[in-house]
């Protein structure tokens, strides 16, 4: 039987396949043995190990279940995500990990609806636009939308987090994808505003210099009540857990909430914009 030598340094996908083979063989399993614990054939497993087939999220989760790695730092799901989302800004995958465990999420956005509140159609327009500009590939555009939907579904827990959202007025007035897409997106925001675990406010243009922050804000309150902040530049993202820098951001966010429209007035503004464009 010919055994193909693997070079884990060739690519992240090759490293995935080589590790899969190494852990399988460490258990004394053949590919047929592993196949018996998964929903995949030994031929498919061989293809992944040798790099002829790309790993998928479903495959990675099946491997983790078979090898007892689910939910661990060594899981293949985690490695898969690192491969698929390697183009994301540094720090963002780490932030998403915190986001999935947070008990309170505070967001302020300018110009674009926050990802957690985007409709699939709105998200698709943004991803496809980035692909047309050459910033990402069409495959990465597909993965970006899929990743966003996973983020949203991860928040649909038995005890969902409280979600505080302040939208700069530019978010709801900037047209994205045409009238139908924007109307559906505004409807989604109005529905979110009625959700008992969401407080959604608009920071109108006329608050002027009373706007306390000039950049997007992401703040997470964790189960132990610690607060994690996330910020992005054009080139990288950064997760901050230092109270000395995070707590002033939390104060500024609370001040911004005080200047923003009430949730009722915010919903009314969105309804008016939707009706005018219809």
Protein backbone atom coordinates (compact mmCIF):
# COMPACT_ATOMS: atom_id res chain seq x y z
CA UNK A 1 0.00 0.00 0.00
CA UNK A 2 1.44 3.36 -1.04
CA UNK A 3 1.58 5.87 1.75
CA UNK A 4 1.73 9.51 0.70
CA UNK A 5 4.17 11.55 2.72
CA UNK A 6 2.56 14.69 4.10
CA UNK A 7 4.16 18.11 4.43
CA UNK A 8 2.31 20.02 7.17
CA UNK A 9 4.28 23.16 6.34
CA UNK A 10 2.90 23.31 2.81
CA UNK A 11 -0.32 25.07 3.82
CA UNK A 12 -2.80 25.37 6.70
CA UNK A 13 -4.95 22.75 4.94
CA UNK A 14 -1.94 20.39 4.73
CA UNK A 15 -1.27 20.92 8.44
CA UNK A 16 -4.91 20.03 9.16
CA UNK A 17 -4.61 16.79 7.18
CA UNK A 18 -1.29 15.83 8.73
CA UNK A 19 -2.61 16.35 12.25
CA UNK A 20 -5.70 14.31 11.45
CA UNK A 21 -3.51 11.42 10.29
CA UNK A 22 -1.22 11.73 13.30
CA UNK A 23 -4.06 11.66 15.85
CA UNK A 24 -5.83 8.85 14.01
CA UNK A 25 -2.73 6.69 13.96
CA UNK A 26 -1.94 7.51 17.59
CA UNK A 27 -5.19 5.70 18.43
CA UNK A 28 -4.19 2.75 16.28
CA UNK A 29 -7.07 3.45 13.90
CA UNK A 30 -7.17 2.93 10.17
CA UNK A 31 -9.16 5.29 7.98
CA UNK A 32 -11.89 2.66 7.96
CA UNK A 33 -11.91 2.67 11.77
CA UNK A 34 -12.29 6.44 11.87
CA UNK A 35 -14.97 6.27 9.19
CA UNK A 36 -17.00 3.97 11.43
CA UNK A 37 -17.18 6.81 13.99
CA UNK A 38 -18.06 9.49 11.44
CA UNK A 39 -20.56 10.24 8.69
CA UNK A 40 -17.80 10.16 6.07
CA UNK A 41 -16.20 7.39 4.03
CA UNK A 42 -12.60 6.30 4.40
CA UNK A 43 -12.00 7.68 0.88
CA UNK A 44 -13.20 11.11 1.99
CA UNK A 45 -11.02 10.98 5.12
CA UNK A 46 -8.02 10.03 2.97
CA UNK A 47 -8.74 12.99 0.70
CA UNK A 48 -8.71 15.38 3.63
CA UNK A 49 -5.55 13.89 5.10
CA UNK A 50 -3.67 14.19 1.82
CA UNK A 51 -5.05 17.62 0.95
CA UNK A 52 -7.11 16.49 -2.04
CA UNK A 53 -10.32 17.50 -0.25
CA UNK A 54 -10.85 20.64 1.80
CA UNK A 55 -12.13 20.22 5.35
CA UNK A 56 -15.56 21.62 6.11
CA UNK A 57 -17.23 22.72 9.31
CA UNK A 58 -19.44 19.61 9.32
CA UNK A 59 -16.45 17.33 8.72
CA UNK A 60 -14.46 19.05 11.49
CA UNK A 61 -17.27 18.64 13.99
CA UNK A 62 -17.63 14.99 13.05
CA UNK A 63 -13.89 14.43 13.59
CA UNK A 64 -14.05 16.19 16.96
CA UNK A 65 -16.91 13.94 18.03
CA UNK A 66 -15.05 10.81 16.92
CA UNK A 67 -11.78 11.81 18.59
CA UNK A 68 -13.27 13.38 21.72
CA UNK A 69 -11.98 16.87 20.91
CA UNK A 70 -15.26 18.80 20.78
CA UNK A 71 -15.13 22.04 22.72
CA UNK A 72 -11.39 21.82 23.42
CA UNK A 73 -8.57 24.10 22.37
CA UNK A 74 -7.30 21.30 20.13
CA UNK A 75 -10.55 20.81 18.25
CA UNK A 76 -10.54 20.49 14.49
CA UNK A 77 -13.47 22.90 14.36
CA UNK A 78 -11.20 25.55 15.81
CA UNK A 79 -8.47 24.74 13.28
CA UNK A 80 -11.03 24.82 10.47
CA UNK A 81 -12.18 28.26 11.53
CA UNK A 82 -8.61 29.51 11.65
CA UNK A 83 -8.13 28.25 8.10
CA UNK A 84 -11.37 29.65 6.74
CA UNK A 85 -11.24 32.94 8.58
CA UNK A 86 -7.54 33.58 8.37
CA UNK A 87 -8.36 36.68 6.32
CA UNK A 88 -10.26 38.26 9.18
CA UNK A 89 -8.59 41.04 11.09
CA UNK A 90 -6.28 39.96 13.85
CA UNK A 91 -8.20 39.80 17.12
CA UNK A 92 -11.67 39.41 15.60
CA UNK A 93 -11.95 35.62 15.97
CA UNK A 94 -10.88 36.06 19.61
CA UNK A 95 -13.57 38.71 20.07
CA UNK A 96 -16.24 36.43 18.55
CA UNK A 97 -15.26 33.76 21.07
CA UNK A 98 -15.98 36.19 23.90
CA UNK A 99 -19.15 37.40 22.18
CA UNK A 100 -20.65 33.92 22.26
CA UNK A 101 -20.31 33.82 26.07
CA UNK A 102 -21.17 37.42 26.96
CA UNK A 103 -24.18 38.24 29.15
CA UNK A 104 -24.36 41.82 27.85
CA UNK A 105 -23.31 43.17 24.47
CA UNK A 106 -22.96 46.89 23.75
CA UNK A 107 -22.46 48.10 20.20
CA UNK A 108 -22.17 51.49 18.53
CA UNK A 109 -21.82 51.66 14.74
CA UNK A 110 -21.41 54.38 12.14
CA UNK A 111 -22.54 54.00 8.55
CA UNK A 112 -23.23 50.24 8.56
CA UNK A 113 -25.76 48.14 10.45
CA UNK A 114 -23.92 45.98 13.02
CA UNK A 115 -23.36 42.41 11.89
CA UNK A 116 -25.45 40.89 14.66
CA UNK A 117 -28.51 42.76 13.33
CA UNK A 118 -27.93 42.42 9.58
CA UNK A 119 -30.36 40.50 7.41
CA UNK A 120 -28.78 37.85 5.17
CA UNK A 121 -29.59 40.00 2.14
CA UNK A 122 -27.91 43.10 3.60
CA UNK A 123 -24.86 41.05 4.59
CA UNK A 124 -24.71 39.49 1.13
CA UNK A 125 -24.69 42.88 -0.59
CA UNK A 126 -21.76 44.04 1.53
CA UNK A 127 -19.80 40.81 0.99
CA UNK A 128 -20.42 40.75 -2.77
CA UNK A 129 -19.41 44.40 -3.03
CA UNK A 130 -16.10 43.61 -1.31
CA UNK A 131 -15.58 40.72 -3.75
CA UNK A 132 -16.24 42.95 -6.78
CA UNK A 133 -13.63 45.40 -5.49
CA UNK A 134 -11.14 42.56 -5.25
CA UNK A 135 -10.81 42.92 -1.47
CA UNK A 136 -11.89 39.29 -0.98
CA UNK A 137 -12.60 36.32 -3.21
CA UNK A 138 -16.15 35.20 -4.06
CA UNK A 139 -15.53 32.13 -1.88
CA UNK A 140 -14.51 34.37 1.01
CA UNK A 141 -17.67 36.43 0.44
CA UNK A 142 -19.75 33.27 0.85
CA UNK A 143 -17.82 32.32 3.97
CA UNK A 144 -18.17 35.83 5.40
CA UNK A 145 -21.97 35.64 5.17
CA UNK A 146 -22.00 32.10 6.57
CA UNK A 147 -19.76 33.14 9.45
CA UNK A 148 -22.05 36.06 10.26
CA UNK A 149 -25.10 33.82 10.32
CA UNK A 150 -23.25 31.49 12.72
CA UNK A 151 -22.49 34.46 14.98
CA UNK A 152 -26.14 35.44 15.04
CA UNK A 153 -27.38 31.91 15.75
CA UNK A 154 -24.83 31.53 18.57
CA UNK A 155 -26.69 34.26 20.45
CA UNK A 156 -30.00 32.39 20.30
CA UNK A 157 -29.37 30.61 23.57
CA UNK A 158 -31.76 29.57 26.28
CA UNK A 159 -30.74 32.71 28.17
CA UNK A 160 -29.70 35.19 25.47
CA UNK A 161 -27.50 38.16 26.32
CA UNK A 162 -28.88 41.65 26.76
CA UNK A 163 -28.07 43.53 23.59
CA UNK A 164 -27.60 47.30 23.73
CA UNK A 165 -27.26 48.94 20.32
CA UNK A 166 -26.75 52.59 19.45
CA UNK A 167 -26.84 53.35 15.73
CA UNK A 168 -25.52 56.55 14.29
CA UNK A 169 -28.29 57.96 12.09
CA UNK A 170 -26.04 57.31 9.08
CA UNK A 171 -26.56 53.56 9.59
CA UNK A 172 -30.26 53.74 8.78
CA UNK A 173 -30.04 56.41 6.09
CA UNK A 174 -27.16 55.01 4.05
CA UNK A 175 -28.73 52.98 1.20
CA UNK A 176 -27.29 49.48 0.86
CA UNK A 177 -28.52 47.08 -1.81
CA UNK A 178 -31.52 49.07 -2.98
CA UNK A 179 -34.97 49.80 -1.60
CA UNK A 180 -36.14 46.23 -0.97
CA UNK A 181 -32.99 45.28 0.95
CA UNK A 182 -33.06 48.44 3.06
CA UNK A 183 -36.77 48.16 3.82
CA UNK A 184 -36.30 44.59 5.02
CA UNK A 185 -33.29 45.64 7.07
CA UNK A 186 -35.22 48.48 8.71
CA UNK A 187 -38.05 46.07 9.46
CA UNK A 188 -35.54 43.74 11.12
CA UNK A 189 -34.28 46.60 13.30
CA UNK A 190 -37.82 47.57 14.29
CA UNK A 191 -38.51 43.96 15.28
CA UNK A 192 -35.27 43.86 17.29
CA UNK A 193 -36.28 47.02 19.11
CA UNK A 194 -39.43 45.23 20.29
CA UNK A 195 -37.44 42.29 21.66
CA UNK A 196 -37.32 42.24 25.50
CA UNK A 197 -33.57 41.49 25.50
CA UNK A 198 -32.66 44.34 23.13
CA UNK A 199 -32.38 48.08 23.66
CA UNK A 200 -31.94 49.80 20.31
CA UNK A 201 -31.44 53.55 19.98
CA UNK A 202 -30.52 55.94 17.20
CA UNK A 203 -27.97 58.70 17.80
CA UNK A 204 -29.36 61.45 15.54
CA UNK A 205 -27.17 63.78 13.53
CA UNK A 206 -28.31 66.78 15.53
CA UNK A 207 -26.60 65.70 18.76
CA UNK A 208 -23.54 67.24 17.12
CA UNK A 209 -20.64 67.68 19.49
CA UNK A 210 -22.50 65.82 22.23
CA UNK A 211 -21.65 62.55 20.54
CA UNK A 212 -19.21 61.05 23.02
CA UNK A 213 -17.47 58.58 20.69
CA UNK A 214 -16.27 59.01 17.12
CA UNK A 215 -15.41 55.41 16.32
CA UNK A 216 -17.39 52.13 16.47
CA UNK A 217 -17.60 50.58 19.93
CA UNK A 218 -17.91 46.91 20.93
CA UNK A 219 -18.14 46.14 24.65
CA UNK A 220 -18.89 42.76 26.18
CA UNK A 221 -19.84 42.04 29.78
CA UNK A 222 -18.79 38.51 30.65
CA UNK A 223 -20.46 36.19 33.20
CA UNK A 224 -17.91 37.23 35.85
CA UNK A 225 -18.90 40.89 35.15
CA UNK A 226 -15.53 41.71 33.60
CA UNK A 227 -15.74 43.88 30.48
CA UNK A 228 -13.99 43.17 27.18
CA UNK A 229 -13.61 45.81 24.47
CA UNK A 230 -12.87 45.38 20.80
CA UNK A 231 -11.68 48.03 18.35
CA UNK A 232 -10.53 47.95 14.74
CA UNK A 233 -8.20 49.98 12.58
CA UNK A 234 -7.99 49.52 8.83
CA UNK A 235 -5.26 46.91 9.28
CA UNK A 236 -6.04 45.02 12.49
CA UNK A 237 -8.44 44.41 15.35
CA UNK A 238 -7.59 44.46 19.04
CA UNK A 239 -9.23 42.86 22.06
CA UNK A 240 -8.73 44.87 25.25
CA UNK A 241 -9.40 43.52 28.74
CA UNK A 242 -7.57 46.18 30.77
CA UNK A 243 -10.00 48.01 33.11
CA UNK A 244 -7.94 51.20 32.89
CA UNK A 245 -8.78 51.55 29.18
CA UNK A 246 -12.05 49.63 28.96
CA UNK A 247 -14.02 51.31 31.73
CA UNK A 248 -13.68 54.86 30.26
CA UNK A 249 -15.12 53.43 27.02
CA UNK A 250 -18.05 52.02 29.00
CA UNK A 251 -18.64 55.43 30.59
CA UNK A 252 -18.59 57.13 27.18
CA UNK A 253 -21.06 54.55 25.87
CA UNK A 254 -23.48 55.24 28.73
CA UNK A 255 -23.20 58.97 28.02
CA UNK A 256 -23.93 58.32 24.34
CA UNK A 257 -27.05 56.36 25.30
CA UNK A 258 -28.20 59.37 27.28
CA UNK A 259 -27.89 61.63 24.22
CA UNK A 260 -29.49 59.15 21.79
CA UNK A 261 -33.19 58.98 21.00
CA UNK A 262 -35.38 56.76 23.15
CA UNK A 263 -36.12 53.31 21.80
CA UNK A 264 -39.68 54.38 20.95
CA UNK A 265 -38.49 57.49 19.09
CA UNK A 266 -35.79 55.47 17.35
CA UNK A 267 -38.31 52.93 16.08
CA UNK A 268 -40.54 55.77 14.88
CA UNK A 269 -37.65 57.31 12.92
CA UNK A 270 -36.92 53.97 11.23
CA UNK A 271 -40.59 53.48 10.35
CA UNK A 272 -40.71 56.96 8.80
CA UNK A 273 -37.60 56.29 6.71
CA UNK A 274 -39.03 52.96 5.56
CA UNK A 275 -42.38 54.52 4.62
CA UNK A 276 -40.76 57.38 2.68
CA UNK A 277 -38.67 54.94 0.63
CA UNK A 278 -41.60 52.60 -0.09
